[in-house]
């Protein structure tokens, strides 16, 4: 079960190979951004992106929260916040370069006097940045957006290295080294007993996963959810602590259907004493209704641990797709929606 032959038979376009190139992608993105860095003193940095592109900004913002002086906000909309303006920087992140929400926000950014930096593989965004003499960091084409996370994250990390305390290049290389080691242990040639991702996929199979993380791991939990959605084509949800204990916990304590769901807690060895007490108590309550799975990594830095837990989720989602006999690469429902929206826009223009 889940042998290399099983995986290659279902994963026809080698989605597993794409997502496991994460270490190399990060280094490439970091290197591409080497020639450009933001000024040290900025009012705001807005990272605009949707879906697989936006998650790069989420992870960066969560990881750097307590080590930067500049406010960083991720925007998933056509418009920037009303308080954005001259002196602010907008990072427009769109893998395809054709995401309409990101293009709209990029246009608005220049109109209100923001500095614009694009991160893309091409498309309209690259042309827009070039026409307006804005910086653009270009990454390789040919990947589904969710498979290019490392390129996007590495580029964002490199662009923002000047506003984060510490040696970013050194930290990135430490994280990459750890990712390379984790990747070996999660490879298809490792047995289920040796492979956490395969074992996790078996636990998730037949359940609806709900992934939880503290504030630092909230975007990683969200990534697990979206990978389960897009790779394995299953419903999944993500939430975060401590907020979940002020509402969702009551459902776990009282809903008779709770056993149909699988709560997955993303934890960190350096979580605060307050968070440890909270998560331990939450686990005790939830365990009365459903089996709780805890996930933790032993990397030497928060960045290494966050990225390794993210990779674990990515690989778990592919193995789950294999168990379900579903190719993880195509996303037909999303493409159908885009086609319907495009047809509607065309019809409106022709009225």
C-alpha atoms as a PDB file:
ATOM      1  CA  UNK A   1       0.000   0.000   0.000  1.00  0.00           C
ATOM      2  CA  UNK A   2       1.305   3.464  -1.027  1.00  0.00           C
ATOM      3  CA  UNK A   3       4.360   1.911  -2.649  1.00  0.00           C
ATOM      4  CA  UNK A   4       6.333   3.927  -5.240  1.00  0.00           C
ATOM      5  CA  UNK A   5       4.450   1.989  -7.932  1.00  0.00           C
ATOM      6  CA  UNK A   6       1.064   2.841  -6.382  1.00  0.00           C
ATOM      7  CA  UNK A   7       1.992   6.513  -6.167  1.00  0.00           C
ATOM      8  CA  UNK A   8       3.282   6.821  -9.736  1.00  0.00           C
ATOM      9  CA  UNK A   9       0.226   4.989 -11.096  1.00  0.00           C
ATOM     10  CA  UNK A  10      -2.202   7.529  -9.578  1.00  0.00           C
ATOM     11  CA  UNK A  11       0.019  10.628  -9.453  1.00  0.00           C
ATOM     12  CA  UNK A  12       0.444  10.775 -13.227  1.00  0.00           C
ATOM     13  CA  UNK A  13       2.064  14.223 -13.403  1.00  0.00           C
ATOM     14  CA  UNK A  14       4.328  13.657 -10.385  1.00  0.00           C
ATOM     15  CA  UNK A  15       2.707  16.155  -8.045  1.00  0.00           C
ATOM     16  CA  UNK A  16       4.687  14.525  -5.260  1.00  0.00           C
ATOM     17  CA  UNK A  17       7.917  15.367  -7.052  1.00  0.00           C
ATOM     18  CA  UNK A  18       6.780  18.968  -7.487  1.00  0.00           C
ATOM     19  CA  UNK A  19       5.957  19.584  -3.835  1.00  0.00           C
ATOM     20  CA  UNK A  20       9.050  17.770  -2.566  1.00  0.00           C
ATOM     21  CA  UNK A  21      11.242  20.191  -4.529  1.00  0.00           C
ATOM     22  CA  UNK A  22      10.378  22.699  -1.772  1.00  0.00           C
ATOM     23  CA  UNK A  23      13.981  23.097  -0.496  1.00  0.00           C
ATOM     24  CA  UNK A  24      15.344  23.845  -3.968  1.00  0.00           C
ATOM     25  CA  UNK A  25      12.431  26.166  -4.707  1.00  0.00           C
ATOM     26  CA  UNK A  26      13.074  28.243  -1.585  1.00  0.00           C
ATOM     27  CA  UNK A  27      16.738  28.730  -2.437  1.00  0.00           C
ATOM     28  CA  UNK A  28      15.870  29.670  -6.016  1.00  0.00           C
ATOM     29  CA  UNK A  29      13.270  32.231  -4.945  1.00  0.00           C
ATOM     30  CA  UNK A  30      15.640  33.691  -2.375  1.00  0.00           C
ATOM     31  CA  UNK A  31      18.372  34.009  -4.988  1.00  0.00           C
ATOM     32  CA  UNK A  32      16.021  35.624  -7.528  1.00  0.00           C
ATOM     33  CA  UNK A  33      15.138  38.309  -4.983  1.00  0.00           C
ATOM     34  CA  UNK A  34      18.769  38.916  -4.042  1.00  0.00           C
ATOM     35  CA  UNK A  35      19.113  42.026  -6.217  1.00  0.00           C
ATOM     36  CA  UNK A  36      16.171  43.764  -4.556  1.00  0.00           C
ATOM     37  CA  UNK A  37      15.416  44.518  -0.945  1.00  0.00           C
ATOM     38  CA  UNK A  38      12.940  46.791   0.746  1.00  0.00           C
ATOM     39  CA  UNK A  39      14.101  49.868   2.660  1.00  0.00           C
ATOM     40  CA  UNK A  40      14.458  49.311   6.398  1.00  0.00           C
ATOM     41  CA  UNK A  41      11.965  51.986   7.350  1.00  0.00           C
ATOM     42  CA  UNK A  42       8.507  51.468   5.885  1.00  0.00           C
ATOM     43  CA  UNK A  43       5.050  52.298   7.123  1.00  0.00           C
ATOM     44  CA  UNK A  44       3.274  49.171   5.873  1.00  0.00           C
ATOM     45  CA  UNK A  45       3.946  46.184   3.652  1.00  0.00           C
ATOM     46  CA  UNK A  46       0.879  44.721   1.984  1.00  0.00           C
ATOM     47  CA  UNK A  47       1.294  41.250   0.470  1.00  0.00           C
ATOM     48  CA  UNK A  48      -1.509  40.718  -2.038  1.00  0.00           C
ATOM     49  CA  UNK A  49      -2.252  37.194  -3.201  1.00  0.00           C
ATOM     50  CA  UNK A  50      -4.946  34.565  -3.557  1.00  0.00           C
ATOM     51  CA  UNK A  51      -4.987  30.804  -3.016  1.00  0.00           C
ATOM     52  CA  UNK A  52      -1.642  29.074  -3.430  1.00  0.00           C
ATOM     53  CA  UNK A  53       0.056  32.422  -3.997  1.00  0.00           C
ATOM     54  CA  UNK A  54      -1.391  34.148  -0.941  1.00  0.00           C
ATOM     55  CA  UNK A  55      -0.243  31.418   1.465  1.00  0.00           C
ATOM     56  CA  UNK A  56       3.382  32.474   0.920  1.00  0.00           C
ATOM     57  CA  UNK A  57       2.553  35.857   2.421  1.00  0.00           C
ATOM     58  CA  UNK A  58       0.610  34.268   5.272  1.00  0.00           C
ATOM     59  CA  UNK A  59       3.504  32.033   6.312  1.00  0.00           C
ATOM     60  CA  UNK A  60       6.000  34.910   6.104  1.00  0.00           C
ATOM     61  CA  UNK A  61       3.773  37.231   8.140  1.00  0.00           C
ATOM     62  CA  UNK A  62       3.158  34.623  10.851  1.00  0.00           C
ATOM     63  CA  UNK A  63       6.798  33.571  11.100  1.00  0.00           C
ATOM     64  CA  UNK A  64       8.181  37.131  11.244  1.00  0.00           C
ATOM     65  CA  UNK A  65       5.536  38.577  13.568  1.00  0.00           C
ATOM     66  CA  UNK A  66       7.748  39.084  16.627  1.00  0.00           C
ATOM     67  CA  UNK A  67      10.944  40.049  14.790  1.00  0.00           C
ATOM     68  CA  UNK A  68      10.060  42.939  12.513  1.00  0.00           C
ATOM     69  CA  UNK A  69       9.361  46.608  13.107  1.00  0.00           C
ATOM     70  CA  UNK A  70       7.287  47.089   9.953  1.00  0.00           C
ATOM     71  CA  UNK A  71       3.635  46.128   9.832  1.00  0.00           C
ATOM     72  CA  UNK A  72       2.940  43.306   7.350  1.00  0.00           C
ATOM     73  CA  UNK A  73      -0.600  42.590   6.214  1.00  0.00           C
ATOM     74  CA  UNK A  74      -1.811  39.953   3.764  1.00  0.00           C
ATOM     75  CA  UNK A  75      -4.613  41.133   1.449  1.00  0.00           C
ATOM     76  CA  UNK A  76      -6.952  38.740  -0.362  1.00  0.00           C
ATOM     77  CA  UNK A  77      -9.155  41.154  -2.229  1.00  0.00           C
ATOM     78  CA  UNK A  78      -9.487  43.425  -5.246  1.00  0.00           C
ATOM     79  CA  UNK A  79      -8.818  46.471  -3.093  1.00  0.00           C
ATOM     80  CA  UNK A  80      -6.188  47.579  -0.629  1.00  0.00           C
ATOM     81  CA  UNK A  81      -7.210  48.779   2.846  1.00  0.00           C
ATOM     82  CA  UNK A  82      -8.363  52.397   3.028  1.00  0.00           C
ATOM     83  CA  UNK A  83      -5.282  53.340   5.060  1.00  0.00           C
ATOM     84  CA  UNK A  84      -2.825  52.221   2.358  1.00  0.00           C
ATOM     85  CA  UNK A  85      -1.033  55.062   0.612  1.00  0.00           C
ATOM     86  CA  UNK A  86       2.189  56.825  -0.209  1.00  0.00           C
ATOM     87  CA  UNK A  87       5.153  55.393   1.677  1.00  0.00           C
ATOM     88  CA  UNK A  88       3.727  51.875   1.732  1.00  0.00           C
ATOM     89  CA  UNK A  89       4.958  48.905  -0.310  1.00  0.00           C
ATOM     90  CA  UNK A  90       2.726  46.374  -2.047  1.00  0.00           C
ATOM     91  CA  UNK A  91       4.044  42.919  -2.937  1.00  0.00           C
ATOM     92  CA  UNK A  92       1.736  41.574  -5.623  1.00  0.00           C
ATOM     93  CA  UNK A  93       2.145  37.785  -5.566  1.00  0.00           C
ATOM     94  CA  UNK A  94       0.517  35.845  -8.375  1.00  0.00           C
ATOM     95  CA  UNK A  95       2.116  32.704  -9.720  1.00  0.00           C
ATOM     96  CA  UNK A  96       0.257  32.846 -13.033  1.00  0.00           C
ATOM     97  CA  UNK A  97       0.403  36.627 -13.200  1.00  0.00           C
ATOM     98  CA  UNK A  98      -3.245  36.690 -14.256  1.00  0.00           C
ATOM     99  CA  UNK A  99      -5.107  36.636 -10.930  1.00  0.00           C
ATOM    100  CA  UNK A 100      -7.729  39.338 -11.326  1.00  0.00           C
ATOM    101  CA  UNK A 101      -7.904  40.308  -7.651  1.00  0.00           C
ATOM    102  CA  UNK A 102      -4.116  40.758  -7.475  1.00  0.00           C
ATOM    103  CA  UNK A 103      -3.977  42.736 -10.722  1.00  0.00           C
ATOM    104  CA  UNK A 104      -6.696  45.064  -9.465  1.00  0.00           C
ATOM    105  CA  UNK A 105      -4.893  45.695  -6.170  1.00  0.00           C
ATOM    106  CA  UNK A 106      -1.577  46.235  -8.001  1.00  0.00           C
ATOM    107  CA  UNK A 107      -3.159  48.870 -10.205  1.00  0.00           C
ATOM    108  CA  UNK A 108      -4.667  50.590  -7.193  1.00  0.00           C
ATOM    109  CA  UNK A 109      -1.284  50.511  -5.416  1.00  0.00           C
ATOM    110  CA  UNK A 110       0.364  52.628  -8.101  1.00  0.00           C
ATOM    111  CA  UNK A 111      -2.621  54.938  -8.258  1.00  0.00           C
ATOM    112  CA  UNK A 112      -2.336  55.864  -4.580  1.00  0.00           C
ATOM    113  CA  UNK A 113       1.447  56.211  -4.545  1.00  0.00           C
ATOM    114  CA  UNK A 114       2.582  52.858  -3.142  1.00  0.00           C
ATOM    115  CA  UNK A 115       5.792  51.161  -4.244  1.00  0.00           C
ATOM    116  CA  UNK A 116       4.893  48.019  -6.206  1.00  0.00           C
ATOM    117  CA  UNK A 117       6.927  44.811  -6.362  1.00  0.00           C
ATOM    118  CA  UNK A 118       5.644  41.858  -8.364  1.00  0.00           C
ATOM    119  CA  UNK A 119       6.377  38.184  -7.718  1.00  0.00           C
ATOM    120  CA  UNK A 120       5.228  36.038 -10.629  1.00  0.00           C
ATOM    121  CA  UNK A 121       6.124  33.588 -13.385  1.00  0.00           C
ATOM    122  CA  UNK A 122       4.873  36.010 -16.034  1.00  0.00           C
ATOM    123  CA  UNK A 123       1.401  36.872 -17.294  1.00  0.00           C
ATOM    124  CA  UNK A 124      -0.261  40.270 -17.096  1.00  0.00           C
ATOM    125  CA  UNK A 125       1.383  41.122 -13.766  1.00  0.00           C
ATOM    126  CA  UNK A 126       4.893  40.894 -15.201  1.00  0.00           C
ATOM    127  CA  UNK A 127       3.910  43.123 -18.119  1.00  0.00           C
ATOM    128  CA  UNK A 128       2.162  45.595 -15.838  1.00  0.00           C
ATOM    129  CA  UNK A 129       5.205  45.914 -13.573  1.00  0.00           C
ATOM    130  CA  UNK A 130       7.551  46.368 -16.518  1.00  0.00           C
ATOM    131  CA  UNK A 131       5.328  48.997 -18.141  1.00  0.00           C
ATOM    132  CA  UNK A 132       5.232  50.980 -14.913  1.00  0.00           C
ATOM    133  CA  UNK A 133       8.939  50.515 -14.141  1.00  0.00           C
ATOM    134  CA  UNK A 134       8.157  48.523 -11.008  1.00  0.00           C
ATOM    135  CA  UNK A 135      10.403  45.761  -9.739  1.00  0.00           C
ATOM    136  CA  UNK A 136       9.393  42.207 -10.612  1.00  0.00           C
ATOM    137  CA  UNK A 137      10.914  38.984  -9.282  1.00  0.00           C
ATOM    138  CA  UNK A 138      10.399  36.241 -11.856  1.00  0.00           C
ATOM    139  CA  UNK A 139      10.097  32.557 -10.958  1.00  0.00           C
ATOM    140  CA  UNK A 140       9.806  29.472 -13.215  1.00  0.00           C
ATOM    141  CA  UNK A 141       6.648  28.684 -15.174  1.00  0.00           C
ATOM    142  CA  UNK A 142       4.892  25.369 -15.603  1.00  0.00           C
ATOM    143  CA  UNK A 143       3.685  24.535 -12.088  1.00  0.00           C
ATOM    144  CA  UNK A 144       0.231  24.558 -10.527  1.00  0.00           C
ATOM    145  CA  UNK A 145       0.226  27.502  -8.066  1.00  0.00           C
ATOM    146  CA  UNK A 146       0.040  25.206  -5.029  1.00  0.00           C
ATOM    147  CA  UNK A 147       3.172  23.451  -6.300  1.00  0.00           C
ATOM    148  CA  UNK A 148       5.171  26.684  -6.466  1.00  0.00           C
ATOM    149  CA  UNK A 149       4.907  27.675  -2.799  1.00  0.00           C
ATOM    150  CA  UNK A 150       8.675  27.448  -2.269  1.00  0.00           C
ATOM    151  CA  UNK A 151       9.463  29.784  -5.167  1.00  0.00           C
ATOM    152  CA  UNK A 152       6.945  32.335  -3.941  1.00  0.00           C
ATOM    153  CA  UNK A 153       7.903  32.082  -0.276  1.00  0.00           C
ATOM    154  CA  UNK A 154      11.625  32.263  -1.045  1.00  0.00           C
ATOM    155  CA  UNK A 155      11.061  35.396  -3.133  1.00  0.00           C
ATOM    156  CA  UNK A 156       8.973  37.085  -0.425  1.00  0.00           C
ATOM    157  CA  UNK A 157      11.581  36.128   2.176  1.00  0.00           C
ATOM    158  CA  UNK A 158      14.351  37.605   0.050  1.00  0.00           C
ATOM    159  CA  UNK A 159      12.521  40.818  -0.750  1.00  0.00           C
ATOM    160  CA  UNK A 160      11.658  41.401   2.911  1.00  0.00           C
ATOM    161  CA  UNK A 161      14.987  40.283   4.410  1.00  0.00           C
ATOM    162  CA  UNK A 162      15.923  43.853   5.292  1.00  0.00           C
ATOM    163  CA  UNK A 163      12.889  44.395   7.536  1.00  0.00           C
ATOM    164  CA  UNK A 164      13.334  41.233   9.627  1.00  0.00           C
ATOM    165  CA  UNK A 165      15.885  40.901  12.413  1.00  0.00           C
ATOM    166  CA  UNK A 166      18.542  38.214  11.946  1.00  0.00           C
ATOM    167  CA  UNK A 167      20.498  36.664   9.108  1.00  0.00           C
ATOM    168  CA  UNK A 168      17.702  35.543   6.788  1.00  0.00           C
ATOM    169  CA  UNK A 169      19.978  33.757   4.314  1.00  0.00           C
ATOM    170  CA  UNK A 170      21.519  31.699   7.119  1.00  0.00           C
ATOM    171  CA  UNK A 171      18.136  30.826   8.620  1.00  0.00           C
ATOM    172  CA  UNK A 172      16.770  29.839   5.230  1.00  0.00           C
ATOM    173  CA  UNK A 173      19.708  27.518   4.585  1.00  0.00           C
ATOM    174  CA  UNK A 174      19.253  25.863   7.995  1.00  0.00           C
ATOM    175  CA  UNK A 175      15.563  25.356   7.218  1.00  0.00           C
ATOM    176  CA  UNK A 176      16.364  23.955   3.774  1.00  0.00           C
ATOM    177  CA  UNK A 177      18.834  21.471   5.227  1.00  0.00           C
ATOM    178  CA  UNK A 178      16.176  20.248   7.660  1.00  0.00           C
ATOM    179  CA  UNK A 179      13.607  20.010   4.849  1.00  0.00           C
ATOM    180  CA  UNK A 180      15.970  17.846   2.838  1.00  0.00           C
ATOM    181  CA  UNK A 181      16.271  15.444   5.757  1.00  0.00           C
ATOM    182  CA  UNK A 182      12.508  15.364   6.355  1.00  0.00           C
ATOM    183  CA  UNK A 183      11.892  14.738   2.659  1.00  0.00           C
ATOM    184  CA  UNK A 184      14.000  11.567   2.764  1.00  0.00           C
ATOM    185  CA  UNK A 185      11.944  10.137   5.612  1.00  0.00           C
ATOM    186  CA  UNK A 186       8.643  10.854   3.848  1.00  0.00           C
ATOM    187  CA  UNK A 187       9.608   9.465   0.432  1.00  0.00           C
ATOM    188  CA  UNK A 188       7.497   6.788  -1.315  1.00  0.00           C
ATOM    189  CA  UNK A 189      10.182   4.140  -0.778  1.00  0.00           C
ATOM    190  CA  UNK A 190       9.767   4.398   2.997  1.00  0.00           C
ATOM    191  CA  UNK A 191       7.323   1.981   4.604  1.00  0.00           C
ATOM    192  CA  UNK A 192       4.222   3.186   6.414  1.00  0.00           C
ATOM    193  CA  UNK A 193       5.897   2.443   9.752  1.00  0.00           C
ATOM    194  CA  UNK A 194       8.792   4.737   8.820  1.00  0.00           C
ATOM    195  CA  UNK A 195       6.799   7.381   6.964  1.00  0.00           C
ATOM    196  CA  UNK A 196       4.747   9.926   8.966  1.00  0.00           C
ATOM    197  CA  UNK A 197       2.984  11.247   5.853  1.00  0.00           C
ATOM    198  CA  UNK A 198       1.771   7.804   4.775  1.00  0.00           C
ATOM    199  CA  UNK A 199       0.665   6.985   8.322  1.00  0.00           C
ATOM    200  CA  UNK A 200      -1.169  10.319   8.532  1.00  0.00           C
ATOM    201  CA  UNK A 201      -2.922   9.712   5.212  1.00  0.00           C
ATOM    202  CA  UNK A 202      -4.250   6.392   6.511  1.00  0.00           C
ATOM    203  CA  UNK A 203      -5.586   8.123   9.634  1.00  0.00           C
ATOM    204  CA  UNK A 204      -7.293  10.851   7.614  1.00  0.00           C
ATOM    205  CA  UNK A 205      -8.768   8.452   5.033  1.00  0.00           C
ATOM    206  CA  UNK A 206     -12.526   8.245   5.579  1.00  0.00           C
ATOM    207  CA  UNK A 207     -12.604  11.172   8.025  1.00  0.00           C
ATOM    208  CA  UNK A 208     -13.091  14.921   7.642  1.00  0.00           C
ATOM    209  CA  UNK A 209      -9.932  16.577   8.983  1.00  0.00           C
ATOM    210  CA  UNK A 210     -10.028  19.803  10.970  1.00  0.00           C
ATOM    211  CA  UNK A 211      -6.532  21.212  11.386  1.00  0.00           C
ATOM    212  CA  UNK A 212      -5.659  23.516  14.273  1.00  0.00           C
ATOM    213  CA  UNK A 213      -2.623  25.662  14.938  1.00  0.00           C
ATOM    214  CA  UNK A 214      -1.547  28.412  17.286  1.00  0.00           C
ATOM    215  CA  UNK A 215      -1.112  31.840  15.682  1.00  0.00           C
ATOM    216  CA  UNK A 216       2.324  30.986  14.207  1.00  0.00           C
ATOM    217  CA  UNK A 217       0.968  27.763  12.715  1.00  0.00           C
ATOM    218  CA  UNK A 218      -2.416  29.131  11.612  1.00  0.00           C
ATOM    219  CA  UNK A 219      -1.289  29.580   7.968  1.00  0.00           C
ATOM    220  CA  UNK A 220       0.342  26.137   8.020  1.00  0.00           C
ATOM    221  CA  UNK A 221      -2.962  24.661   9.218  1.00  0.00           C
ATOM    222  CA  UNK A 222      -4.674  26.546   6.404  1.00  0.00           C
ATOM    223  CA  UNK A 223      -2.183  25.071   3.937  1.00  0.00           C
ATOM    224  CA  UNK A 224      -2.987  21.561   5.178  1.00  0.00           C
ATOM    225  CA  UNK A 225      -6.671  22.282   4.605  1.00  0.00           C
ATOM    226  CA  UNK A 226      -6.242  23.621   1.073  1.00  0.00           C
ATOM    227  CA  UNK A 227      -3.941  20.757   0.091  1.00  0.00           C
ATOM    228  CA  UNK A 228      -6.491  18.230   1.310  1.00  0.00           C
ATOM    229  CA  UNK A 229      -9.092  20.138  -0.716  1.00  0.00           C
ATOM    230  CA  UNK A 230      -7.099  20.433  -3.950  1.00  0.00           C
ATOM    231  CA  UNK A 231      -4.907  17.330  -3.912  1.00  0.00           C
ATOM    232  CA  UNK A 232      -7.154  14.694  -2.327  1.00  0.00           C
ATOM    233  CA  UNK A 233     -10.446  16.402  -3.284  1.00  0.00           C
ATOM    234  CA  UNK A 234     -11.928  16.076   0.213  1.00  0.00           C
ATOM    235  CA  UNK A 235     -13.598  18.570   2.486  1.00  0.00           C
ATOM    236  CA  UNK A 236     -11.370  19.851   5.276  1.00  0.00           C
ATOM    237  CA  UNK A 237     -11.273  22.876   7.547  1.00  0.00           C
ATOM    238  CA  UNK A 238      -8.643  24.811   9.468  1.00  0.00           C
ATOM    239  CA  UNK A 239      -8.857  26.883  12.602  1.00  0.00           C
ATOM    240  CA  UNK A 240      -6.529  28.417  15.184  1.00  0.00           C
ATOM    241  CA  UNK A 241      -5.984  28.821  18.887  1.00  0.00           C
ATOM    242  CA  UNK A 242      -6.805  30.430  21.216  1.00  0.00           C
ATOM    243  CA  UNK A 243      -9.889  31.597  19.258  1.00  0.00           C
ATOM    244  CA  UNK A 244     -11.196  28.052  18.680  1.00  0.00           C
ATOM    245  CA  UNK A 245     -11.524  27.519  22.426  1.00  0.00           C
ATOM    246  CA  UNK A 246     -14.024  30.370  22.582  1.00  0.00           C
ATOM    247  CA  UNK A 247     -16.496  28.758  20.180  1.00  0.00           C
ATOM    248  CA  UNK A 248     -15.611  25.489  18.381  1.00  0.00           C
ATOM    249  CA  UNK A 249     -14.741  23.679  21.586  1.00  0.00           C
ATOM    250  CA  UNK A 250     -18.410  23.612  22.572  1.00  0.00           C
ATOM    251  CA  UNK A 251     -19.185  21.680  19.397  1.00  0.00           C
ATOM    252  CA  UNK A 252     -16.513  19.112  20.150  1.00  0.00           C
ATOM    253  CA  UNK A 253     -17.862  18.698  23.651  1.00  0.00           C
ATOM    254  CA  UNK A 254     -21.509  18.216  22.699  1.00  0.00           C
ATOM    255  CA  UNK A 255     -22.029  17.228  19.042  1.00  0.00           C
ATOM    256  CA  UNK A 256     -22.812  13.524  18.648  1.00  0.00           C
ATOM    257  CA  UNK A 257     -21.360  13.636  15.108  1.00  0.00           C
ATOM    258  CA  UNK A 258     -17.889  14.632  16.336  1.00  0.00           C
ATOM    259  CA  UNK A 259     -16.425  11.161  15.770  1.00  0.00           C
ATOM    260  CA  UNK A 260     -16.818  11.645  11.986  1.00  0.00           C
ATOM    261  CA  UNK A 261     -14.156  14.345  12.120  1.00  0.00           C
ATOM    262  CA  UNK A 262     -10.439  14.113  12.772  1.00  0.00           C
ATOM    263  CA  UNK A 263      -8.919  16.943  14.838  1.00  0.00           C
ATOM    264  CA  UNK A 264      -5.235  17.515  13.998  1.00  0.00           C
ATOM    265  CA  UNK A 265      -3.270  19.779  16.342  1.00  0.00           C
ATOM    266  CA  UNK A 266      -0.096  21.386  14.982  1.00  0.00           C
ATOM    267  CA  UNK A 267       2.161  21.988  17.963  1.00  0.00           C
ATOM    268  CA  UNK A 268       5.591  23.462  18.549  1.00  0.00           C
ATOM    269  CA  UNK A 269       8.226  22.520  21.150  1.00  0.00           C
ATOM    270  CA  UNK A 270       8.733  26.222  21.917  1.00  0.00           C
ATOM    271  CA  UNK A 271       5.073  27.103  22.336  1.00  0.00           C
ATOM    272  CA  UNK A 272       4.416  29.292  25.375  1.00  0.00           C
ATOM    273  CA  UNK A 273       3.524  27.783  28.739  1.00  0.00           C
ATOM    274  CA  UNK A 274       0.067  29.346  28.408  1.00  0.00           C
ATOM    275  CA  UNK A 275      -0.468  27.756  25.010  1.00  0.00           C
ATOM    276  CA  UNK A 276       0.781  24.373  26.243  1.00  0.00           C
ATOM    277  CA  UNK A 277      -1.731  24.390  29.096  1.00  0.00           C
ATOM    278  CA  UNK A 278      -4.496  25.440  26.747  1.00  0.00           C
ATOM    279  CA  UNK A 279      -3.779  22.809  24.098  1.00  0.00           C
ATOM    280  CA  UNK A 280      -3.340  20.030  26.646  1.00  0.00           C
ATOM    281  CA  UNK A 281      -6.681  20.906  28.244  1.00  0.00           C
ATOM    282  CA  UNK A 282      -8.371  21.197  24.851  1.00  0.00           C
ATOM    283  CA  UNK A 283      -7.039  17.802  23.830  1.00  0.00           C
ATOM    284  CA  UNK A 284      -8.470  16.254  26.996  1.00  0.00           C
ATOM    285  CA  UNK A 285     -11.950  17.600  26.238  1.00  0.00           C
ATOM    286  CA  UNK A 286     -11.941  16.807  22.501  1.00  0.00           C
ATOM    287  CA  UNK A 287     -10.528  13.300  23.054  1.00  0.00           C
ATOM    288  CA  UNK A 288     -13.765  12.279  24.748  1.00  0.00           C
ATOM    289  CA  UNK A 289     -15.537  12.617  21.383  1.00  0.00           C
ATOM    290  CA  UNK A 290     -12.850  12.009  18.741  1.00  0.00           C
ATOM    291  CA  UNK A 291      -9.316  10.725  18.391  1.00  0.00           C
ATOM    292  CA  UNK A 292      -6.896  13.687  18.439  1.00  0.00           C
ATOM    293  CA  UNK A 293      -3.760  13.633  16.281  1.00  0.00           C
ATOM    294  CA  UNK A 294      -0.845  15.821  17.367  1.00  0.00           C
ATOM    295  CA  UNK A 295       1.872  16.897  14.932  1.00  0.00           C
ATOM    296  CA  UNK A 296       5.207  18.362  15.999  1.00  0.00           C
ATOM    297  CA  UNK A 297       8.592  18.822  14.338  1.00  0.00           C
ATOM    298  CA  UNK A 298      12.057  18.855  15.905  1.00  0.00           C
ATOM    299  CA  UNK A 299      13.801  21.402  13.678  1.00  0.00           C
ATOM    300  CA  UNK A 300      16.325  23.815  15.203  1.00  0.00           C
ATOM    301  CA  UNK A 301      14.357  26.972  14.342  1.00  0.00           C
ATOM    302  CA  UNK A 302      10.749  28.073  14.078  1.00  0.00           C
ATOM    303  CA  UNK A 303      11.146  28.588  10.322  1.00  0.00           C
ATOM    304  CA  UNK A 304      12.516  25.063   9.862  1.00  0.00           C
ATOM    305  CA  UNK A 305       9.696  23.572  11.917  1.00  0.00           C
ATOM    306  CA  UNK A 306       6.917  25.537  10.225  1.00  0.00           C
ATOM    307  CA  UNK A 307       8.130  24.622   6.739  1.00  0.00           C
ATOM    308  CA  UNK A 308       8.662  20.968   7.646  1.00  0.00           C
ATOM    309  CA  UNK A 309       5.164  20.634   9.089  1.00  0.00           C
ATOM    310  CA  UNK A 310       3.885  22.305   5.917  1.00  0.00           C
ATOM    311  CA  UNK A 311       5.760  19.758   3.791  1.00  0.00           C
ATOM    312  CA  UNK A 312       4.339  16.931   5.891  1.00  0.00           C
ATOM    313  CA  UNK A 313       0.835  18.193   5.151  1.00  0.00           C
ATOM    314  CA  UNK A 314       1.565  18.510   1.436  1.00  0.00           C
ATOM    315  CA  UNK A 315       2.878  14.969   1.187  1.00  0.00           C
ATOM    316  CA  UNK A 316       0.060  13.582   3.326  1.00  0.00           C
ATOM    317  CA  UNK A 317      -2.458  15.098   0.921  1.00  0.00           C
ATOM    318  CA  UNK A 318      -0.840  13.385  -2.075  1.00  0.00           C
ATOM    319  CA  UNK A 319      -0.728  10.024  -0.312  1.00  0.00           C
ATOM    320  CA  UNK A 320      -4.396  10.506   0.620  1.00  0.00           C
ATOM    321  CA  UNK A 321      -5.174  11.181  -3.044  1.00  0.00           C
ATOM    322  CA  UNK A 322      -3.441   7.918  -3.936  1.00  0.00           C
ATOM    323  CA  UNK A 323      -5.495   6.047  -1.341  1.00  0.00           C
ATOM    324  CA  UNK A 324      -8.612   7.546  -2.907  1.00  0.00           C
ATOM    325  CA  UNK A 325      -7.406   6.666  -6.434  1.00  0.00           C
ATOM    326  CA  UNK A 326      -7.620  10.339  -7.451  1.00  0.00           C
ATOM    327  CA  UNK A 327      -4.982  12.183  -9.485  1.00  0.00           C
ATOM    328  CA  UNK A 328      -3.803  15.059  -7.235  1.00  0.00           C
ATOM    329  CA  UNK A 329      -2.769  17.342 -10.113  1.00  0.00           C
ATOM    330  CA  UNK A 330      -5.987  18.548 -11.853  1.00  0.00           C
ATOM    331  CA  UNK A 331      -8.544  20.794 -10.115  1.00  0.00           C
ATOM    332  CA  UNK A 332     -11.600  20.460 -12.385  1.00  0.00           C
ATOM    333  CA  UNK A 333     -14.122  22.189 -10.120  1.00  0.00           C
ATOM    334  CA  UNK A 334     -11.937  25.276  -9.787  1.00  0.00           C
ATOM    335  CA  UNK A 335     -11.383  25.430 -13.538  1.00  0.00           C
ATOM    336  CA  UNK A 336     -15.109  25.036 -14.122  1.00  0.00           C
ATOM    337  CA  UNK A 337     -15.805  27.990 -11.821  1.00  0.00           C
ATOM    338  CA  UNK A 338     -13.216  30.148 -13.574  1.00  0.00           C
ATOM    339  CA  UNK A 339     -14.791  29.293 -16.920  1.00  0.00           C
ATOM    340  CA  UNK A 340     -18.244  30.243 -15.657  1.00  0.00           C
ATOM    341  CA  UNK A 341     -16.960  33.552 -14.284  1.00  0.00           C
ATOM    342  CA  UNK A 342     -15.104  34.328 -17.511  1.00  0.00           C
ATOM    343  CA  UNK A 343     -18.199  33.558 -19.574  1.00  0.00           C
ATOM    344  CA  UNK A 344     -20.279  35.805 -17.331  1.00  0.00           C
ATOM    345  CA  UNK A 345     -17.785  38.664 -17.668  1.00  0.00           C
ATOM    346  CA  UNK A 346     -17.721  38.303 -21.452  1.00  0.00           C
ATOM    347  CA  UNK A 347     -21.504  38.301 -21.636  1.00  0.00           C
ATOM    348  CA  UNK A 348     -21.659  41.437 -19.514  1.00  0.00           C
ATOM    349  CA  UNK A 349     -19.162  43.229 -21.756  1.00  0.00           C
ATOM    350  CA  UNK A 350     -21.238  42.350 -24.808  1.00  0.00           C
ATOM    351  CA  UNK A 351     -24.499  43.722 -23.378  1.00  0.00           C
END
